């Protein structure tokens, strides 16, 4: 029977039904919980067997969902107990501002609780993102294919109640009205120019702009020069720097 006929006869959500079909056919690469279902489909099982497996899988998903919630709550308590005061510790943003690893990465050394890898993979695949889509840390979350029960945009909006949809439309109208009151944009470019009286800068010790060392003259990189490079004297030295780069012999 065609998917569209099943959806119409049973009055199902087409997108969600289609997601389930693709999800149940996934190879057991990240967790083994669909093997029994796939074996049953392959040999042609009975309706009673399918219902039994479906009920067991539903119970598993609920169990994983509640386990994830409980672990998150326990980890929040562990992190709160590790706080030296009543405020969360922020990572240091200067090379000279941290002494211990906890200064650089607060709470990274804590022994937090975690789910078993296979159960965590199932939770991710159902409630967060499609594991088969791969993972690129540089990619924005919006570009990931959503998990089985993860909806966003229009797919999420048409599943919420009328009251919440009305509230969203109200916020959109407010935003559009506020944008209409903004002054028109003007064309501009990001550029730099020399100061009227350029000066040499002081060395930032260990990269800390609040811990300054000796004054450093504007000049070409000494390690790439034959001998000590001459200081730049024309403006900021950008033009002299460009000329010095062009005049470097090929090696």
C-alpha atoms as a PDB file:
ATOM      1  CA  UNK A   1       0.000   0.000   0.000  1.00  0.00           C
ATOM      2  CA  UNK A   2       1.254   3.485  -0.856  1.00  0.00           C
ATOM      3  CA  UNK A   3       2.348   5.828   1.921  1.00  0.00           C
ATOM      4  CA  UNK A   4      -0.191   8.457   0.895  1.00  0.00           C
ATOM      5  CA  UNK A   5      -3.030   5.921   1.109  1.00  0.00           C
ATOM      6  CA  UNK A   6      -1.958   4.802   4.586  1.00  0.00           C
ATOM      7  CA  UNK A   7      -1.737   8.410   5.755  1.00  0.00           C
ATOM      8  CA  UNK A   8      -5.182   9.259   4.400  1.00  0.00           C
ATOM      9  CA  UNK A   9      -6.884   6.115   5.697  1.00  0.00           C
ATOM     10  CA  UNK A  10      -5.410   6.386   9.194  1.00  0.00           C
ATOM     11  CA  UNK A  11      -5.454  10.216   9.246  1.00  0.00           C
ATOM     12  CA  UNK A  12      -1.728  10.398  10.074  1.00  0.00           C
ATOM     13  CA  UNK A  13       0.750  13.250   9.959  1.00  0.00           C
ATOM     14  CA  UNK A  14       2.488  12.679   6.610  1.00  0.00           C
ATOM     15  CA  UNK A  15       5.840  14.238   7.567  1.00  0.00           C
ATOM     16  CA  UNK A  16       6.069  12.360  10.861  1.00  0.00           C
ATOM     17  CA  UNK A  17       4.974   9.071   9.258  1.00  0.00           C
ATOM     18  CA  UNK A  18       7.591   9.485   6.534  1.00  0.00           C
ATOM     19  CA  UNK A  19      10.232  10.198   9.175  1.00  0.00           C
ATOM     20  CA  UNK A  20       9.295   7.021  11.041  1.00  0.00           C
ATOM     21  CA  UNK A  21       9.590   4.913   7.887  1.00  0.00           C
ATOM     22  CA  UNK A  22      13.092   6.236   7.187  1.00  0.00           C
ATOM     23  CA  UNK A  23      14.092   5.970  10.854  1.00  0.00           C
ATOM     24  CA  UNK A  24      13.007   2.336  11.205  1.00  0.00           C
ATOM     25  CA  UNK A  25      14.999   1.406   8.084  1.00  0.00           C
ATOM     26  CA  UNK A  26      18.278   2.858   9.359  1.00  0.00           C
ATOM     27  CA  UNK A  27      21.229   0.434   9.542  1.00  0.00           C
ATOM     28  CA  UNK A  28      22.170  -0.385  13.181  1.00  0.00           C
ATOM     29  CA  UNK A  29      25.380   1.659  13.052  1.00  0.00           C
ATOM     30  CA  UNK A  30      25.017   3.742  16.205  1.00  0.00           C
ATOM     31  CA  UNK A  31      22.749   1.509  18.359  1.00  0.00           C
ATOM     32  CA  UNK A  32      21.249  -1.986  18.086  1.00  0.00           C
ATOM     33  CA  UNK A  33      17.675  -1.232  19.154  1.00  0.00           C
ATOM     34  CA  UNK A  34      16.087  -1.544  15.695  1.00  0.00           C
ATOM     35  CA  UNK A  35      17.569  -4.934  14.787  1.00  0.00           C
ATOM     36  CA  UNK A  36      14.587  -6.967  16.022  1.00  0.00           C
ATOM     37  CA  UNK A  37      12.161  -4.767  14.100  1.00  0.00           C
ATOM     38  CA  UNK A  38      14.167  -4.937  10.888  1.00  0.00           C
ATOM     39  CA  UNK A  39      14.533  -8.719  11.142  1.00  0.00           C
ATOM     40  CA  UNK A  40      10.781  -9.028  11.652  1.00  0.00           C
ATOM     41  CA  UNK A  41      10.080  -6.879   8.577  1.00  0.00           C
ATOM     42  CA  UNK A  42      12.569  -8.862   6.499  1.00  0.00           C
ATOM     43  CA  UNK A  43      10.993 -12.243   7.201  1.00  0.00           C
ATOM     44  CA  UNK A  44       7.430 -10.894   7.248  1.00  0.00           C
ATOM     45  CA  UNK A  45       6.070 -10.906  10.792  1.00  0.00           C
ATOM     46  CA  UNK A  46       2.555 -10.783  12.129  1.00  0.00           C
ATOM     47  CA  UNK A  47       0.613  -7.730  13.242  1.00  0.00           C
ATOM     48  CA  UNK A  48       0.775  -8.983  16.835  1.00  0.00           C
ATOM     49  CA  UNK A  49       4.580  -9.272  16.662  1.00  0.00           C
ATOM     50  CA  UNK A  50       4.871  -5.796  15.143  1.00  0.00           C
ATOM     51  CA  UNK A  51       2.701  -4.324  17.911  1.00  0.00           C
ATOM     52  CA  UNK A  52       4.788  -6.031  20.597  1.00  0.00           C
ATOM     53  CA  UNK A  53       8.059  -4.685  19.158  1.00  0.00           C
ATOM     54  CA  UNK A  54       6.547  -1.224  18.685  1.00  0.00           C
ATOM     55  CA  UNK A  55       5.377  -1.117  22.314  1.00  0.00           C
ATOM     56  CA  UNK A  56       8.820  -2.202  23.526  1.00  0.00           C
ATOM     57  CA  UNK A  57      10.542   0.460  21.424  1.00  0.00           C
ATOM     58  CA  UNK A  58       8.144   3.136  22.654  1.00  0.00           C
ATOM     59  CA  UNK A  59       8.911   2.155  26.248  1.00  0.00           C
ATOM     60  CA  UNK A  60      12.650   2.303  25.456  1.00  0.00           C
ATOM     61  CA  UNK A  61      12.409   5.820  24.015  1.00  0.00           C
ATOM     62  CA  UNK A  62      10.472   7.039  27.058  1.00  0.00           C
ATOM     63  CA  UNK A  63      13.006   5.428  29.381  1.00  0.00           C
ATOM     64  CA  UNK A  64      15.925   7.051  27.537  1.00  0.00           C
ATOM     65  CA  UNK A  65      14.160  10.420  27.551  1.00  0.00           C
ATOM     66  CA  UNK A  66      13.587  10.370  31.309  1.00  0.00           C
ATOM     67  CA  UNK A  67      17.124   9.068  31.969  1.00  0.00           C
ATOM     68  CA  UNK A  68      18.563  11.992  30.009  1.00  0.00           C
ATOM     69  CA  UNK A  69      16.448  14.438  32.025  1.00  0.00           C
ATOM     70  CA  UNK A  70      17.504  12.938  35.349  1.00  0.00           C
ATOM     71  CA  UNK A  71      21.198  12.939  34.412  1.00  0.00           C
ATOM     72  CA  UNK A  72      21.029  16.595  33.375  1.00  0.00           C
ATOM     73  CA  UNK A  73      19.429  17.494  36.709  1.00  0.00           C
ATOM     74  CA  UNK A  74      22.091  15.558  38.648  1.00  0.00           C
ATOM     75  CA  UNK A  75      24.901  17.218  36.673  1.00  0.00           C
ATOM     76  CA  UNK A  76      23.449  20.647  37.418  1.00  0.00           C
ATOM     77  CA  UNK A  77      23.661  19.829  41.125  1.00  0.00           C
ATOM     78  CA  UNK A  78      27.265  18.602  40.771  1.00  0.00           C
ATOM     79  CA  UNK A  79      28.248  21.797  38.937  1.00  0.00           C
ATOM     80  CA  UNK A  80      26.464  23.983  41.489  1.00  0.00           C
ATOM     81  CA  UNK A  81      28.268  22.286  44.387  1.00  0.00           C
ATOM     82  CA  UNK A  82      31.615  22.928  42.682  1.00  0.00           C
ATOM     83  CA  UNK A  83      31.033  26.695  42.481  1.00  0.00           C
ATOM     84  CA  UNK A  84      33.308  28.704  44.784  1.00  0.00           C
ATOM     85  CA  UNK A  85      30.495  31.227  45.300  1.00  0.00           C
ATOM     86  CA  UNK A  86      26.983  31.810  44.084  1.00  0.00           C
ATOM     87  CA  UNK A  87      27.838  32.824  40.513  1.00  0.00           C
ATOM     88  CA  UNK A  88      28.986  30.648  37.643  1.00  0.00           C
ATOM     89  CA  UNK A  89      32.657  30.970  36.803  1.00  0.00           C
ATOM     90  CA  UNK A  90      33.441  32.395  33.371  1.00  0.00           C
ATOM     91  CA  UNK A  91      36.398  31.190  31.264  1.00  0.00           C
ATOM     92  CA  UNK A  92      39.449  33.459  31.274  1.00  0.00           C
ATOM     93  CA  UNK A  93      39.865  35.327  28.008  1.00  0.00           C
ATOM     94  CA  UNK A  94      43.492  36.419  28.344  1.00  0.00           C
ATOM     95  CA  UNK A  95      46.575  34.150  28.153  1.00  0.00           C
ATOM     96  CA  UNK A  96      47.897  35.568  31.416  1.00  0.00           C
ATOM     97  CA  UNK A  97      44.582  35.445  33.298  1.00  0.00           C
ATOM     98  CA  UNK A  98      44.489  31.745  34.202  1.00  0.00           C
ATOM     99  CA  UNK A  99      46.671  29.675  36.483  1.00  0.00           C
ATOM    100  CA  UNK A 100      44.850  26.342  36.560  1.00  0.00           C
ATOM    101  CA  UNK A 101      42.975  24.431  33.864  1.00  0.00           C
ATOM    102  CA  UNK A 102      39.710  25.242  35.644  1.00  0.00           C
ATOM    103  CA  UNK A 103      40.387  28.944  35.029  1.00  0.00           C
ATOM    104  CA  UNK A 104      40.635  28.185  31.307  1.00  0.00           C
ATOM    105  CA  UNK A 105      37.710  25.747  31.197  1.00  0.00           C
ATOM    106  CA  UNK A 106      35.480  25.943  34.283  1.00  0.00           C
ATOM    107  CA  UNK A 107      33.953  22.608  35.383  1.00  0.00           C
ATOM    108  CA  UNK A 108      35.748  20.676  32.619  1.00  0.00           C
ATOM    109  CA  UNK A 109      37.504  18.646  35.303  1.00  0.00           C
ATOM    110  CA  UNK A 110      34.307  17.596  37.073  1.00  0.00           C
ATOM    111  CA  UNK A 111      33.203  13.965  37.015  1.00  0.00           C
ATOM    112  CA  UNK A 112      29.784  14.430  35.467  1.00  0.00           C
ATOM    113  CA  UNK A 113      27.377  11.570  34.873  1.00  0.00           C
ATOM    114  CA  UNK A 114      26.681  10.346  31.350  1.00  0.00           C
ATOM    115  CA  UNK A 115      24.387   7.900  29.598  1.00  0.00           C
ATOM    116  CA  UNK A 116      25.691   4.730  27.995  1.00  0.00           C
ATOM    117  CA  UNK A 117      26.961   5.596  24.464  1.00  0.00           C
ATOM    118  CA  UNK A 118      24.324   3.542  22.627  1.00  0.00           C
ATOM    119  CA  UNK A 119      21.456   5.031  24.644  1.00  0.00           C
ATOM    120  CA  UNK A 120      22.894   8.521  24.196  1.00  0.00           C
ATOM    121  CA  UNK A 121      23.108   7.929  20.444  1.00  0.00           C
ATOM    122  CA  UNK A 122      19.460   6.890  20.398  1.00  0.00           C
ATOM    123  CA  UNK A 123      18.451  10.034  22.305  1.00  0.00           C
ATOM    124  CA  UNK A 124      20.427  12.214  19.880  1.00  0.00           C
ATOM    125  CA  UNK A 125      18.954  10.468  16.826  1.00  0.00           C
ATOM    126  CA  UNK A 126      15.393  10.855  18.104  1.00  0.00           C
ATOM    127  CA  UNK A 127      15.348  14.211  19.888  1.00  0.00           C
ATOM    128  CA  UNK A 128      18.226  16.227  18.445  1.00  0.00           C
ATOM    129  CA  UNK A 129      19.770  15.486  15.033  1.00  0.00           C
ATOM    130  CA  UNK A 130      20.057  12.725  12.469  1.00  0.00           C
ATOM    131  CA  UNK A 131      23.259  10.834  13.270  1.00  0.00           C
ATOM    132  CA  UNK A 132      23.547   9.590   9.701  1.00  0.00           C
ATOM    133  CA  UNK A 133      23.891  13.226   8.616  1.00  0.00           C
ATOM    134  CA  UNK A 134      27.393  13.281  10.112  1.00  0.00           C
ATOM    135  CA  UNK A 135      28.816  15.903  12.446  1.00  0.00           C
ATOM    136  CA  UNK A 136      30.865  18.985  11.630  1.00  0.00           C
ATOM    137  CA  UNK A 137      31.539  21.201  14.693  1.00  0.00           C
ATOM    138  CA  UNK A 138      31.919  24.224  12.399  1.00  0.00           C
ATOM    139  CA  UNK A 139      28.466  23.743  10.918  1.00  0.00           C
ATOM    140  CA  UNK A 140      25.558  25.653  12.411  1.00  0.00           C
ATOM    141  CA  UNK A 141      22.924  23.553  14.161  1.00  0.00           C
ATOM    142  CA  UNK A 142      20.205  24.820  11.803  1.00  0.00           C
ATOM    143  CA  UNK A 143      21.939  23.073   8.892  1.00  0.00           C
ATOM    144  CA  UNK A 144      21.830  19.654  10.536  1.00  0.00           C
ATOM    145  CA  UNK A 145      19.052  17.297   9.544  1.00  0.00           C
ATOM    146  CA  UNK A 146      16.728  17.167  12.579  1.00  0.00           C
ATOM    147  CA  UNK A 147      16.175  14.029  14.597  1.00  0.00           C
ATOM    148  CA  UNK A 148      13.058  11.883  14.380  1.00  0.00           C
ATOM    149  CA  UNK A 149      10.960  13.973  16.789  1.00  0.00           C
ATOM    150  CA  UNK A 150      12.827  17.283  16.437  1.00  0.00           C
ATOM    151  CA  UNK A 151      10.831  19.931  14.586  1.00  0.00           C
ATOM    152  CA  UNK A 152      11.642  23.535  13.821  1.00  0.00           C
ATOM    153  CA  UNK A 153      10.340  26.369  11.685  1.00  0.00           C
ATOM    154  CA  UNK A 154       7.014  25.739   9.973  1.00  0.00           C
ATOM    155  CA  UNK A 155       7.145  22.045  10.889  1.00  0.00           C
ATOM    156  CA  UNK A 156       7.059  23.034  14.559  1.00  0.00           C
ATOM    157  CA  UNK A 157       4.608  25.914  14.247  1.00  0.00           C
ATOM    158  CA  UNK A 158       1.773  23.947  12.691  1.00  0.00           C
ATOM    159  CA  UNK A 159       2.013  21.384  15.509  1.00  0.00           C
ATOM    160  CA  UNK A 160       1.489  23.819  18.363  1.00  0.00           C
ATOM    161  CA  UNK A 161      -1.858  25.072  19.616  1.00  0.00           C
ATOM    162  CA  UNK A 162      -3.794  27.993  18.179  1.00  0.00           C
ATOM    163  CA  UNK A 163      -3.029  30.154  21.220  1.00  0.00           C
ATOM    164  CA  UNK A 164       0.723  29.764  20.844  1.00  0.00           C
ATOM    165  CA  UNK A 165       0.551  30.348  17.092  1.00  0.00           C
ATOM    166  CA  UNK A 166      -1.377  33.561  17.705  1.00  0.00           C
ATOM    167  CA  UNK A 167       1.308  34.671  20.170  1.00  0.00           C
ATOM    168  CA  UNK A 168       4.037  33.994  17.589  1.00  0.00           C
ATOM    169  CA  UNK A 169       2.163  36.038  14.988  1.00  0.00           C
ATOM    170  CA  UNK A 170       1.803  38.861  17.534  1.00  0.00           C
ATOM    171  CA  UNK A 171       5.565  38.864  18.129  1.00  0.00           C
ATOM    172  CA  UNK A 172       6.248  38.879  14.403  1.00  0.00           C
ATOM    173  CA  UNK A 173       3.949  41.863  13.946  1.00  0.00           C
ATOM    174  CA  UNK A 174       5.696  43.674  16.808  1.00  0.00           C
ATOM    175  CA  UNK A 175       9.086  42.949  15.246  1.00  0.00           C
ATOM    176  CA  UNK A 176       7.967  44.143  11.811  1.00  0.00           C
ATOM    177  CA  UNK A 177       6.578  47.332  13.326  1.00  0.00           C
ATOM    178  CA  UNK A 178       9.817  47.993  15.238  1.00  0.00           C
ATOM    179  CA  UNK A 179      11.880  47.396  12.094  1.00  0.00           C
ATOM    180  CA  UNK A 180       9.699  49.863  10.203  1.00  0.00           C
ATOM    181  CA  UNK A 181      10.522  52.570  12.750  1.00  0.00           C
ATOM    182  CA  UNK A 182      14.268  52.175  12.265  1.00  0.00           C
ATOM    183  CA  UNK A 183      16.108  54.831  10.323  1.00  0.00           C
ATOM    184  CA  UNK A 184      17.058  53.761   6.778  1.00  0.00           C
ATOM    185  CA  UNK A 185      20.447  52.137   6.411  1.00  0.00           C
ATOM    186  CA  UNK A 186      23.262  54.085   4.859  1.00  0.00           C
ATOM    187  CA  UNK A 187      26.083  52.644   2.709  1.00  0.00           C
ATOM    188  CA  UNK A 188      29.407  52.239   4.433  1.00  0.00           C
ATOM    189  CA  UNK A 189      32.616  50.256   4.203  1.00  0.00           C
ATOM    190  CA  UNK A 190      35.003  49.040   6.865  1.00  0.00           C
ATOM    191  CA  UNK A 191      38.377  50.668   6.316  1.00  0.00           C
ATOM    192  CA  UNK A 192      41.485  51.814   8.170  1.00  0.00           C
ATOM    193  CA  UNK A 193      43.562  54.942   7.951  1.00  0.00           C
ATOM    194  CA  UNK A 194      46.726  56.205   9.575  1.00  0.00           C
ATOM    195  CA  UNK A 195      46.525  58.191  12.758  1.00  0.00           C
ATOM    196  CA  UNK A 196      47.704  61.786  12.498  1.00  0.00           C
ATOM    197  CA  UNK A 197      50.668  61.007  14.729  1.00  0.00           C
ATOM    198  CA  UNK A 198      51.457  57.249  14.687  1.00  0.00           C
ATOM    199  CA  UNK A 199      53.360  55.945  17.704  1.00  0.00           C
ATOM    200  CA  UNK A 200      55.148  52.712  18.546  1.00  0.00           C
ATOM    201  CA  UNK A 201      53.356  50.218  20.753  1.00  0.00           C
ATOM    202  CA  UNK A 202      54.661  48.451  23.821  1.00  0.00           C
ATOM    203  CA  UNK A 203      55.072  44.693  23.918  1.00  0.00           C
ATOM    204  CA  UNK A 204      52.102  42.904  25.518  1.00  0.00           C
ATOM    205  CA  UNK A 205      53.716  40.432  27.892  1.00  0.00           C
ATOM    206  CA  UNK A 206      52.230  36.961  27.367  1.00  0.00           C
ATOM    207  CA  UNK A 207      49.611  38.623  25.144  1.00  0.00           C
ATOM    208  CA  UNK A 208      48.170  40.657  28.032  1.00  0.00           C
ATOM    209  CA  UNK A 209      47.423  44.256  26.947  1.00  0.00           C
ATOM    210  CA  UNK A 210      47.356  45.273  30.618  1.00  0.00           C
ATOM    211  CA  UNK A 211      50.917  44.038  31.234  1.00  0.00           C
ATOM    212  CA  UNK A 212      53.164  46.071  28.946  1.00  0.00           C
ATOM    213  CA  UNK A 213      56.877  45.718  28.332  1.00  0.00           C
ATOM    214  CA  UNK A 214      59.372  47.686  26.281  1.00  0.00           C
ATOM    215  CA  UNK A 215      58.389  49.836  23.329  1.00  0.00           C
ATOM    216  CA  UNK A 216      58.705  47.969  20.030  1.00  0.00           C
ATOM    217  CA  UNK A 217      59.687  50.031  16.968  1.00  0.00           C
ATOM    218  CA  UNK A 218      57.672  49.638  13.773  1.00  0.00           C
ATOM    219  CA  UNK A 219      59.778  47.550  11.411  1.00  0.00           C
ATOM    220  CA  UNK A 220      59.897  44.398   9.326  1.00  0.00           C
ATOM    221  CA  UNK A 221      60.015  40.987  11.031  1.00  0.00           C
ATOM    222  CA  UNK A 222      63.561  40.598  12.287  1.00  0.00           C
ATOM    223  CA  UNK A 223      63.687  36.811  11.939  1.00  0.00           C
ATOM    224  CA  UNK A 224      63.065  37.188   8.188  1.00  0.00           C
ATOM    225  CA  UNK A 225      65.629  39.950   7.768  1.00  0.00           C
ATOM    226  CA  UNK A 226      69.360  39.918   7.103  1.00  0.00           C
ATOM    227  CA  UNK A 227      70.602  41.689  10.183  1.00  0.00           C
ATOM    228  CA  UNK A 228      68.554  44.171  12.188  1.00  0.00           C
ATOM    229  CA  UNK A 229      65.739  45.728  10.099  1.00  0.00           C
ATOM    230  CA  UNK A 230      65.538  49.512   9.910  1.00  0.00           C
ATOM    231  CA  UNK A 231      62.634  51.151  11.769  1.00  0.00           C
ATOM    232  CA  UNK A 232      59.728  52.454   9.730  1.00  0.00           C
ATOM    233  CA  UNK A 233      59.441  56.226   9.792  1.00  0.00           C
ATOM    234  CA  UNK A 234      56.731  57.069   7.246  1.00  0.00           C
ATOM    235  CA  UNK A 235      53.344  57.205   8.918  1.00  0.00           C
ATOM    236  CA  UNK A 236      52.211  53.927  10.419  1.00  0.00           C
ATOM    237  CA  UNK A 237      54.702  52.024   8.293  1.00  0.00           C
ATOM    238  CA  UNK A 238      52.145  50.068   6.277  1.00  0.00           C
ATOM    239  CA  UNK A 239      53.594  51.231   2.954  1.00  0.00           C
ATOM    240  CA  UNK A 240      57.156  50.497   4.082  1.00  0.00           C
ATOM    241  CA  UNK A 241      56.052  47.065   5.286  1.00  0.00           C
ATOM    242  CA  UNK A 242      54.555  46.276   1.880  1.00  0.00           C
ATOM    243  CA  UNK A 243      57.743  47.439   0.156  1.00  0.00           C
ATOM    244  CA  UNK A 244      59.887  45.379   2.520  1.00  0.00           C
ATOM    245  CA  UNK A 245      57.813  42.266   1.743  1.00  0.00           C
ATOM    246  CA  UNK A 246      58.207  42.818  -1.998  1.00  0.00           C
ATOM    247  CA  UNK A 247      61.947  43.400  -1.634  1.00  0.00           C
ATOM    248  CA  UNK A 248      62.528  40.133   0.216  1.00  0.00           C
ATOM    249  CA  UNK A 249      64.730  37.782  -1.862  1.00  0.00           C
ATOM    250  CA  UNK A 250      63.175  34.482  -2.922  1.00  0.00           C
ATOM    251  CA  UNK A 251      64.614  31.514  -1.015  1.00  0.00           C
END
